[in-house]
Amino acid sequence: MKLSERLALTVNIAEQAGNMIRKARLEQSFSKHYKQNDELVTDADVAVDRFIAEQLETHFPGEARLTEELSPERDVLEQDGDLWVIDPIDGTVNFARGLPHVAVSIAWSQKGKVQLGVVHAPFLDETFTALRGKGARLNDNNIEASTAKRLEHSLIATGFPYRIEGRAPLLRRLGAVMDVCKDLRRCGSAALDLCNVACGRLDGYYESVSPWDFAAGFLIAQEAGARTGHLYPCPDNIPEALYGEHILATAPDIYKPLYTLLIQADENRISAR
């Protein structure tokens, strides 16, 4: 199957999943609970995850899947083969609270390299797509990353972990960004933050997230001309495209200064102990 045909099927699956999400919110037909005591999950997350898994198995039988709710076992990242990486609802808290920043995120990786990415935002009527080497698009229109030249004029996004004790180490990064950059945004969906970098709404984004949160959006940002990478070296046994710790995506000209700013903030935190 051609990669373009694979992408078209993936877009269709993501948009069908988006319709399920819209219907679930309209009807309020979902219950809520917390996994690991701090992360919200709803019945809709599981139902959409199951729908996507069934559709992928129908169209691409036997291909491995890493999904947030049904198949979260990360040892699959170490396998050398085809892999679907799926977040059925990125922005579950936003979904449950009635906020619009919610996305279906689906990426397909081959031998550790993401080849296609789809991020569909059902409440915003936006579908971001990318094929490796073919550029990125929003609702079938080509998109390009910001041309920001200076941090002082840049709008940066980030996010924070659900665990309260995990937030304190990030406050120095936050302070450093607010001291230097124009302003900061936090929308609650890593996939959409990356897509907003891809289309120039944001100049940069940094965070530590799970593979399903960023795999599709990272490729979309790359293909739109953003520079992407990690603040620290990745493990040898996990492909960089699927390792979500300390990721960074920016307009090309501010990558190095933002990278340096964040690293220095970490070093200052450590030296202050």
C-alpha atoms as a PDB file:
ATOM      1  CA  MET A   1       0.000   0.000   0.000  1.00  0.00           C
ATOM      2  CA  LYS A   2       1.269   3.479  -0.885  1.00  0.00           C
ATOM      3  CA  LEU A   3       2.037   5.791   2.015  1.00  0.00           C
ATOM      4  CA  SER A   4      -0.494   8.313   0.680  1.00  0.00           C
ATOM      5  CA  GLU A   5      -3.219   5.630   0.770  1.00  0.00           C
ATOM      6  CA  ARG A   6      -2.231   4.696   4.295  1.00  0.00           C
ATOM      7  CA  LEU A   7      -2.501   8.358   5.270  1.00  0.00           C
ATOM      8  CA  ALA A   8      -5.960   8.726   3.718  1.00  0.00           C
ATOM      9  CA  LEU A   9      -7.236   5.727   5.688  1.00  0.00           C
ATOM     10  CA  THR A  10      -5.692   7.084   8.884  1.00  0.00           C
ATOM     11  CA  VAL A  11      -7.348  10.475   8.398  1.00  0.00           C
ATOM     12  CA  ASN A  12     -10.705   8.761   7.905  1.00  0.00           C
ATOM     13  CA  ILE A  13     -10.254   6.719  11.088  1.00  0.00           C
ATOM     14  CA  ALA A  14      -9.193   9.799  13.087  1.00  0.00           C
ATOM     15  CA  GLU A  15     -12.171  11.817  11.881  1.00  0.00           C
ATOM     16  CA  GLN A  16     -14.591   9.001  12.694  1.00  0.00           C
ATOM     17  CA  ALA A  17     -13.030   8.851  16.148  1.00  0.00           C
ATOM     18  CA  GLY A  18     -13.530  12.620  16.385  1.00  0.00           C
ATOM     19  CA  ASN A  19     -17.227  12.187  15.669  1.00  0.00           C
ATOM     20  CA  MET A  20     -17.418   9.705  18.536  1.00  0.00           C
ATOM     21  CA  ILE A  21     -15.772  12.240  20.836  1.00  0.00           C
ATOM     22  CA  ARG A  22     -18.170  15.014  19.813  1.00  0.00           C
ATOM     23  CA  LYS A  23     -21.171  12.729  20.346  1.00  0.00           C
ATOM     24  CA  ALA A  24     -19.936  11.577  23.755  1.00  0.00           C
ATOM     25  CA  ARG A  25     -19.540  15.154  24.956  1.00  0.00           C
ATOM     26  CA  LEU A  26     -22.889  16.263  23.519  1.00  0.00           C
ATOM     27  CA  GLU A  27     -24.698  13.424  25.221  1.00  0.00           C
ATOM     28  CA  GLN A  28     -22.462  13.433  28.325  1.00  0.00           C
ATOM     29  CA  SER A  29     -22.436   9.661  27.884  1.00  0.00           C
ATOM     30  CA  PHE A  30     -19.213   8.902  29.709  1.00  0.00           C
ATOM     31  CA  SER A  31     -18.055   8.242  33.230  1.00  0.00           C
ATOM     32  CA  LYS A  32     -14.773   9.371  34.796  1.00  0.00           C
ATOM     33  CA  HIS A  33     -12.191   7.739  36.975  1.00  0.00           C
ATOM     34  CA  TYR A  34      -8.511   8.150  37.772  1.00  0.00           C
ATOM     35  CA  LYS A  35      -5.712   5.784  36.857  1.00  0.00           C
ATOM     36  CA  GLN A  36      -2.630   5.657  39.064  1.00  0.00           C
ATOM     37  CA  ASN A  37      -4.531   8.029  41.376  1.00  0.00           C
ATOM     38  CA  ASP A  38      -3.826  11.209  39.403  1.00  0.00           C
ATOM     39  CA  GLU A  39      -4.578  10.857  35.678  1.00  0.00           C
ATOM     40  CA  LEU A  40      -8.160  11.282  34.497  1.00  0.00           C
ATOM     41  CA  VAL A  41      -9.585   8.725  32.070  1.00  0.00           C
ATOM     42  CA  THR A  42     -13.142   8.467  30.757  1.00  0.00           C
ATOM     43  CA  ASP A  43     -15.207   5.741  29.165  1.00  0.00           C
ATOM     44  CA  ALA A  44     -14.893   7.722  25.937  1.00  0.00           C
ATOM     45  CA  ASP A  45     -11.089   7.345  25.965  1.00  0.00           C
ATOM     46  CA  VAL A  46     -11.428   3.580  26.116  1.00  0.00           C
ATOM     47  CA  ALA A  47     -14.253   3.401  23.555  1.00  0.00           C
ATOM     48  CA  VAL A  48     -12.359   5.558  21.040  1.00  0.00           C
ATOM     49  CA  ASP A  49      -9.147   3.614  21.639  1.00  0.00           C
ATOM     50  CA  ARG A  50     -11.020   0.375  20.968  1.00  0.00           C
ATOM     51  CA  PHE A  51     -12.602   1.783  17.792  1.00  0.00           C
ATOM     52  CA  ILE A  52      -9.239   2.914  16.406  1.00  0.00           C
ATOM     53  CA  ALA A  53      -7.638  -0.430  17.256  1.00  0.00           C
ATOM     54  CA  GLU A  54     -10.424  -2.318  15.465  1.00  0.00           C
ATOM     55  CA  GLN A  55     -10.166  -0.114  12.392  1.00  0.00           C
ATOM     56  CA  LEU A  56      -6.385  -0.436  12.204  1.00  0.00           C
ATOM     57  CA  GLU A  57      -6.600  -4.205  12.579  1.00  0.00           C
ATOM     58  CA  THR A  58      -9.134  -4.321   9.746  1.00  0.00           C
ATOM     59  CA  HIS A  59      -7.037  -2.258   7.351  1.00  0.00           C
ATOM     60  CA  PHE A  60      -3.529  -3.172   8.563  1.00  0.00           C
ATOM     61  CA  PRO A  61      -3.811  -6.614  10.149  1.00  0.00           C
ATOM     62  CA  GLY A  62      -1.033  -7.761  12.437  1.00  0.00           C
ATOM     63  CA  GLU A  63       0.742  -4.408  12.750  1.00  0.00           C
ATOM     64  CA  ALA A  64       1.775  -3.616  16.326  1.00  0.00           C
ATOM     65  CA  ARG A  65       0.052  -0.857  18.278  1.00  0.00           C
ATOM     66  CA  LEU A  66       1.050   1.320  21.228  1.00  0.00           C
ATOM     67  CA  THR A  67      -2.044   3.051  22.594  1.00  0.00           C
ATOM     68  CA  GLU A  68      -2.611   4.983  25.781  1.00  0.00           C
ATOM     69  CA  GLU A  69      -5.558   2.995  27.138  1.00  0.00           C
ATOM     70  CA  LEU A  70      -5.598  -0.517  25.626  1.00  0.00           C
ATOM     71  CA  SER A  71      -1.960  -1.265  24.758  1.00  0.00           C
ATOM     72  CA  PRO A  72       0.351   0.990  26.780  1.00  0.00           C
ATOM     73  CA  GLU A  73       3.221  -1.524  27.100  1.00  0.00           C
ATOM     74  CA  ARG A  74       6.252   0.475  26.056  1.00  0.00           C
ATOM     75  CA  ASP A  75       8.537  -2.474  25.416  1.00  0.00           C
ATOM     76  CA  VAL A  76       7.052  -2.448  21.914  1.00  0.00           C
ATOM     77  CA  LEU A  77       9.177   0.665  21.269  1.00  0.00           C
ATOM     78  CA  GLU A  78      12.249  -1.544  21.232  1.00  0.00           C
ATOM     79  CA  GLN A  79      10.927  -3.738  18.422  1.00  0.00           C
ATOM     80  CA  ASP A  80      12.197  -3.206  14.886  1.00  0.00           C
ATOM     81  CA  GLY A  81       9.076  -3.136  12.734  1.00  0.00           C
ATOM     82  CA  ASP A  82       5.827  -1.381  11.930  1.00  0.00           C
ATOM     83  CA  LEU A  83       4.173   0.361  14.877  1.00  0.00           C
ATOM     84  CA  TRP A  84       1.061   2.483  15.311  1.00  0.00           C
ATOM     85  CA  VAL A  85       1.258   5.026  18.146  1.00  0.00           C
ATOM     86  CA  ILE A  86      -2.156   6.281  19.234  1.00  0.00           C
ATOM     87  CA  ASP A  87      -3.687   8.695  21.702  1.00  0.00           C
ATOM     88  CA  PRO A  88      -7.473   8.343  21.403  1.00  0.00           C
ATOM     89  CA  ILE A  89      -8.132  11.576  23.304  1.00  0.00           C
ATOM     90  CA  ASP A  90      -5.167  13.853  23.872  1.00  0.00           C
ATOM     91  CA  GLY A  91      -6.498  16.421  26.319  1.00  0.00           C
ATOM     92  CA  THR A  92      -8.833  14.217  28.344  1.00  0.00           C
ATOM     93  CA  VAL A  93      -9.264  16.846  31.064  1.00  0.00           C
ATOM     94  CA  ASN A  94     -10.213  19.412  28.418  1.00  0.00           C
ATOM     95  CA  PHE A  95     -12.680  16.930  26.926  1.00  0.00           C
ATOM     96  CA  ALA A  96     -14.313  16.231  30.278  1.00  0.00           C
ATOM     97  CA  ARG A  97     -14.478  19.929  31.206  1.00  0.00           C
ATOM     98  CA  GLY A  98     -15.920  21.154  27.897  1.00  0.00           C
ATOM     99  CA  LEU A  99     -12.775  22.880  26.606  1.00  0.00           C
ATOM    100  CA  PRO A 100     -11.983  22.755  22.866  1.00  0.00           C
ATOM    101  CA  HIS A 101      -8.314  21.689  22.891  1.00  0.00           C
ATOM    102  CA  VAL A 102      -8.853  17.964  22.353  1.00  0.00           C
ATOM    103  CA  ALA A 103      -7.249  15.783  19.689  1.00  0.00           C
ATOM    104  CA  VAL A 104      -7.045  12.311  18.225  1.00  0.00           C
ATOM    105  CA  SER A 105      -3.374  11.584  17.542  1.00  0.00           C
ATOM    106  CA  ILE A 106      -2.250   8.707  15.297  1.00  0.00           C
ATOM    107  CA  ALA A 107       1.288   8.076  14.040  1.00  0.00           C
ATOM    108  CA  TRP A 108       2.745   5.205  12.050  1.00  0.00           C
ATOM    109  CA  SER A 109       6.374   4.295  12.570  1.00  0.00           C
ATOM    110  CA  GLN A 110       8.536   1.988  10.473  1.00  0.00           C
ATOM    111  CA  LYS A 111      11.827   0.773  11.916  1.00  0.00           C
ATOM    112  CA  GLY A 112      11.824   3.531  14.514  1.00  0.00           C
ATOM    113  CA  LYS A 113      11.077   6.398  12.112  1.00  0.00           C
ATOM    114  CA  VAL A 114       7.629   7.989  12.062  1.00  0.00           C
ATOM    115  CA  GLN A 115       6.409   7.984   8.462  1.00  0.00           C
ATOM    116  CA  LEU A 116       3.002   9.599   8.856  1.00  0.00           C
ATOM    117  CA  GLY A 117       1.166  11.634  11.447  1.00  0.00           C
ATOM    118  CA  VAL A 118      -2.453  12.684  11.859  1.00  0.00           C
ATOM    119  CA  VAL A 119      -3.785  14.996  14.568  1.00  0.00           C
ATOM    120  CA  HIS A 120      -7.508  15.671  14.380  1.00  0.00           C
ATOM    121  CA  ALA A 121      -9.145  18.286  16.627  1.00  0.00           C
ATOM    122  CA  PRO A 122     -12.893  17.564  16.503  1.00  0.00           C
ATOM    123  CA  PHE A 123     -14.056  20.680  18.363  1.00  0.00           C
ATOM    124  CA  LEU A 124     -11.880  22.969  16.242  1.00  0.00           C
ATOM    125  CA  ASP A 125     -12.648  21.282  12.891  1.00  0.00           C
ATOM    126  CA  GLU A 126      -8.930  20.977  12.181  1.00  0.00           C
ATOM    127  CA  THR A 127      -6.998  18.014  10.821  1.00  0.00           C
ATOM    128  CA  PHE A 128      -3.204  18.233  10.681  1.00  0.00           C
ATOM    129  CA  THR A 129      -1.335  15.699   8.559  1.00  0.00           C
ATOM    130  CA  ALA A 130       2.205  14.923   7.467  1.00  0.00           C
ATOM    131  CA  LEU A 131       4.080  12.364   5.418  1.00  0.00           C
ATOM    132  CA  ARG A 132       7.824  12.055   5.885  1.00  0.00           C
ATOM    133  CA  GLY A 133       9.541  14.152   3.243  1.00  0.00           C
ATOM    134  CA  LYS A 134       6.277  15.535   1.861  1.00  0.00           C
ATOM    135  CA  GLY A 135       5.543  18.530   4.088  1.00  0.00           C
ATOM    136  CA  ALA A 136       2.694  19.197   6.496  1.00  0.00           C
ATOM    137  CA  ARG A 137      -0.887  20.294   5.979  1.00  0.00           C
ATOM    138  CA  LEU A 138      -3.855  21.689   7.883  1.00  0.00           C
ATOM    139  CA  ASN A 139      -7.214  20.827   6.332  1.00  0.00           C
ATOM    140  CA  ASP A 140      -5.410  20.155   3.016  1.00  0.00           C
ATOM    141  CA  ASN A 141      -3.567  23.476   3.022  1.00  0.00           C
ATOM    142  CA  ASN A 142       0.227  23.587   3.317  1.00  0.00           C
ATOM    143  CA  ILE A 143       1.556  24.961   6.594  1.00  0.00           C
ATOM    144  CA  GLU A 144       4.909  26.348   7.687  1.00  0.00           C
ATOM    145  CA  ALA A 145       6.520  26.945  11.047  1.00  0.00           C
ATOM    146  CA  SER A 146       7.164  30.377  12.500  1.00  0.00           C
ATOM    147  CA  THR A 147      10.076  32.489  11.295  1.00  0.00           C
ATOM    148  CA  ALA A 148      10.717  33.949  14.766  1.00  0.00           C
ATOM    149  CA  LYS A 149      14.261  35.233  15.138  1.00  0.00           C
ATOM    150  CA  ARG A 150      14.497  36.212  18.797  1.00  0.00           C
ATOM    151  CA  LEU A 151      13.327  34.667  22.060  1.00  0.00           C
ATOM    152  CA  GLU A 152      12.226  38.086  23.301  1.00  0.00           C
ATOM    153  CA  HIS A 153       9.506  38.139  20.642  1.00  0.00           C
ATOM    154  CA  SER A 154       8.547  34.459  20.909  1.00  0.00           C
ATOM    155  CA  LEU A 155       5.393  32.785  22.211  1.00  0.00           C
ATOM    156  CA  ILE A 156       6.264  29.472  23.892  1.00  0.00           C
ATOM    157  CA  ALA A 157       4.070  26.598  25.095  1.00  0.00           C
ATOM    158  CA  THR A 158       4.614  23.866  27.655  1.00  0.00           C
ATOM    159  CA  GLY A 159       2.731  21.540  29.976  1.00  0.00           C
ATOM    160  CA  PHE A 160       3.069  19.952  33.383  1.00  0.00           C
ATOM    161  CA  PRO A 161       2.724  16.419  34.792  1.00  0.00           C
ATOM    162  CA  TYR A 162      -0.380  15.339  36.702  1.00  0.00           C
ATOM    163  CA  ARG A 163       1.728  14.412  39.712  1.00  0.00           C
ATOM    164  CA  ILE A 164       2.065  17.497  41.886  1.00  0.00           C
ATOM    165  CA  GLU A 165       5.473  16.389  43.152  1.00  0.00           C
ATOM    166  CA  GLY A 166       6.700  16.275  39.552  1.00  0.00           C
ATOM    167  CA  ARG A 167       6.023  19.966  38.940  1.00  0.00           C
ATOM    168  CA  ALA A 168       8.519  21.605  41.276  1.00  0.00           C
ATOM    169  CA  PRO A 169      11.634  20.805  39.181  1.00  0.00           C
ATOM    170  CA  LEU A 170      10.006  22.489  36.175  1.00  0.00           C
ATOM    171  CA  LEU A 171       9.396  25.830  37.846  1.00  0.00           C
ATOM    172  CA  ARG A 172      12.886  27.142  37.123  1.00  0.00           C
ATOM    173  CA  ARG A 173      12.393  26.358  33.437  1.00  0.00           C
ATOM    174  CA  LEU A 174       9.089  28.207  33.557  1.00  0.00           C
ATOM    175  CA  GLY A 175      10.660  31.174  35.297  1.00  0.00           C
ATOM    176  CA  ALA A 176      13.505  31.329  32.791  1.00  0.00           C
ATOM    177  CA  VAL A 177      11.099  31.305  29.856  1.00  0.00           C
ATOM    178  CA  MET A 178       8.902  33.998  31.395  1.00  0.00           C
ATOM    179  CA  ASP A 179      11.949  36.162  32.133  1.00  0.00           C
ATOM    180  CA  VAL A 180      13.140  36.092  28.517  1.00  0.00           C
ATOM    181  CA  CYS A 181      10.321  35.228  26.115  1.00  0.00           C
ATOM    182  CA  LYS A 182       7.296  37.270  25.075  1.00  0.00           C
ATOM    183  CA  ASP A 183       4.727  35.040  26.806  1.00  0.00           C
ATOM    184  CA  LEU A 184       3.725  31.446  27.488  1.00  0.00           C
ATOM    185  CA  ARG A 185       0.688  29.288  26.663  1.00  0.00           C
ATOM    186  CA  ARG A 186      -0.586  26.006  28.117  1.00  0.00           C
ATOM    187  CA  CYS A 187      -3.489  24.445  26.193  1.00  0.00           C
ATOM    188  CA  GLY A 188      -3.480  20.946  27.704  1.00  0.00           C
ATOM    189  CA  SER A 189      -2.809  18.923  24.547  1.00  0.00           C
ATOM    190  CA  ALA A 190       0.774  18.152  23.548  1.00  0.00           C
ATOM    191  CA  ALA A 191      -0.356  17.037  20.095  1.00  0.00           C
ATOM    192  CA  LEU A 192      -2.035  20.386  19.435  1.00  0.00           C
ATOM    193  CA  ASP A 193       0.861  22.369  20.912  1.00  0.00           C
ATOM    194  CA  LEU A 194       3.153  20.713  18.373  1.00  0.00           C
ATOM    195  CA  CYS A 195       0.696  21.345  15.556  1.00  0.00           C
ATOM    196  CA  ASN A 196       0.475  24.989  16.614  1.00  0.00           C
ATOM    197  CA  VAL A 197       4.255  25.179  16.299  1.00  0.00           C
ATOM    198  CA  ALA A 198       3.880  23.569  12.871  1.00  0.00           C
ATOM    199  CA  CYS A 199       1.508  26.239  11.586  1.00  0.00           C
ATOM    200  CA  GLY A 200       3.250  29.193  13.224  1.00  0.00           C
ATOM    201  CA  ARG A 201       0.728  29.988  15.947  1.00  0.00           C
ATOM    202  CA  LEU A 202       3.435  29.197  18.481  1.00  0.00           C
ATOM    203  CA  ASP A 203       7.164  29.786  18.159  1.00  0.00           C
ATOM    204  CA  GLY A 204       8.231  26.943  20.418  1.00  0.00           C
ATOM    205  CA  TYR A 205       7.158  24.134  22.715  1.00  0.00           C
ATOM    206  CA  TYR A 206       8.926  22.004  25.322  1.00  0.00           C
ATOM    207  CA  GLU A 207       7.728  19.268  27.680  1.00  0.00           C
ATOM    208  CA  SER A 208       8.177  15.648  28.763  1.00  0.00           C
ATOM    209  CA  VAL A 209       5.335  13.465  27.520  1.00  0.00           C
ATOM    210  CA  SER A 210       4.434   9.910  26.526  1.00  0.00           C
ATOM    211  CA  PRO A 211       5.063   8.550  23.000  1.00  0.00           C
ATOM    212  CA  TRP A 212       1.372   8.676  22.053  1.00  0.00           C
ATOM    213  CA  ASP A 213       1.172  12.357  23.024  1.00  0.00           C
ATOM    214  CA  PHE A 214       3.811  13.592  20.609  1.00  0.00           C
ATOM    215  CA  ALA A 215       4.731  11.063  17.878  1.00  0.00           C
ATOM    216  CA  ALA A 216       2.325  12.421  15.249  1.00  0.00           C
ATOM    217  CA  GLY A 217       2.721  16.082  16.181  1.00  0.00           C
ATOM    218  CA  PHE A 218       6.520  15.876  16.185  1.00  0.00           C
ATOM    219  CA  LEU A 219       6.549  14.703  12.552  1.00  0.00           C
ATOM    220  CA  ILE A 220       3.999  17.359  11.587  1.00  0.00           C
ATOM    221  CA  ALA A 221       6.180  20.062  13.160  1.00  0.00           C
ATOM    222  CA  GLN A 222       9.307  18.691  11.450  1.00  0.00           C
ATOM    223  CA  GLU A 223       7.639  18.562   8.055  1.00  0.00           C
ATOM    224  CA  ALA A 224       6.397  22.131   8.482  1.00  0.00           C
ATOM    225  CA  GLY A 225       9.986  23.290   8.905  1.00  0.00           C
ATOM    226  CA  ALA A 226      10.280  23.453  12.681  1.00  0.00           C
ATOM    227  CA  ARG A 227      13.448  22.226  14.325  1.00  0.00           C
ATOM    228  CA  THR A 228      12.904  19.387  16.775  1.00  0.00           C
ATOM    229  CA  GLY A 229      15.031  17.504  19.243  1.00  0.00           C
ATOM    230  CA  HIS A 230      15.641  16.579  22.877  1.00  0.00           C
ATOM    231  CA  LEU A 231      17.302  18.516  25.672  1.00  0.00           C
ATOM    232  CA  TYR A 232      19.181  15.406  26.823  1.00  0.00           C
ATOM    233  CA  PRO A 233      20.421  12.245  25.093  1.00  0.00           C
ATOM    234  CA  CYS A 234      17.872   9.530  24.360  1.00  0.00           C
ATOM    235  CA  PRO A 235      18.280   5.910  25.488  1.00  0.00           C
ATOM    236  CA  ASP A 236      20.033   3.687  22.973  1.00  0.00           C
ATOM    237  CA  ASN A 237      17.154   1.196  22.878  1.00  0.00           C
ATOM    238  CA  ILE A 238      14.341   3.662  22.054  1.00  0.00           C
ATOM    239  CA  PRO A 239      14.121   5.587  18.756  1.00  0.00           C
ATOM    240  CA  GLU A 240      14.387   9.353  19.186  1.00  0.00           C
ATOM    241  CA  ALA A 241      11.135   9.819  17.263  1.00  0.00           C
ATOM    242  CA  LEU A 242       9.293   7.832  19.953  1.00  0.00           C
ATOM    243  CA  TYR A 243      11.070   9.042  23.102  1.00  0.00           C
ATOM    244  CA  GLY A 244       9.011  11.764  24.740  1.00  0.00           C
ATOM    245  CA  GLU A 245      11.240  12.969  27.576  1.00  0.00           C
ATOM    246  CA  HIS A 246      12.493  16.565  27.331  1.00  0.00           C
ATOM    247  CA  ILE A 247      11.305  17.225  23.789  1.00  0.00           C
ATOM    248  CA  LEU A 248      11.748  20.584  22.093  1.00  0.00           C
ATOM    249  CA  ALA A 249      10.175  21.945  18.891  1.00  0.00           C
ATOM    250  CA  THR A 250      10.718  25.505  17.721  1.00  0.00           C
ATOM    251  CA  ALA A 251      11.090  27.928  14.869  1.00  0.00           C
ATOM    252  CA  PRO A 252      14.548  27.104  13.458  1.00  0.00           C
ATOM    253  CA  ASP A 253      16.278  30.318  14.549  1.00  0.00           C
ATOM    254  CA  ILE A 254      15.256  30.137  18.211  1.00  0.00           C
ATOM    255  CA  TYR A 255      16.024  26.443  18.769  1.00  0.00           C
ATOM    256  CA  LYS A 256      19.559  26.934  20.051  1.00  0.00           C
ATOM    257  CA  PRO A 257      18.809  29.897  22.365  1.00  0.00           C
ATOM    258  CA  LEU A 258      15.728  28.190  23.858  1.00  0.00           C
ATOM    259  CA  TYR A 259      17.658  24.934  24.269  1.00  0.00           C
ATOM    260  CA  THR A 260      20.432  26.820  26.080  1.00  0.00           C
ATOM    261  CA  LEU A 261      17.954  28.704  28.258  1.00  0.00           C
ATOM    262  CA  LEU A 262      16.248  25.506  29.416  1.00  0.00           C
ATOM    263  CA  ILE A 263      19.501  23.641  30.063  1.00  0.00           C
ATOM    264  CA  GLN A 264      20.835  26.554  32.112  1.00  0.00           C
ATOM    265  CA  ALA A 265      17.606  26.643  34.107  1.00  0.00           C
ATOM    266  CA  ASP A 266      18.079  22.951  34.936  1.00  0.00           C
ATOM    267  CA  GLU A 267      21.698  23.514  35.935  1.00  0.00           C
ATOM    268  CA  ASN A 268      20.699  26.399  38.187  1.00  0.00           C
ATOM    269  CA  ARG A 269      18.098  24.215  39.869  1.00  0.00           C
ATOM    270  CA  ILE A 270      20.652  21.482  40.551  1.00  0.00           C
ATOM    271  CA  SER A 271      23.301  23.919  41.859  1.00  0.00           C
ATOM    272  CA  ALA A 272      20.727  25.534  44.164  1.00  0.00           C
ATOM    273  CA  ARG A 273      20.118  22.292  46.082  1.00  0.00           C
END
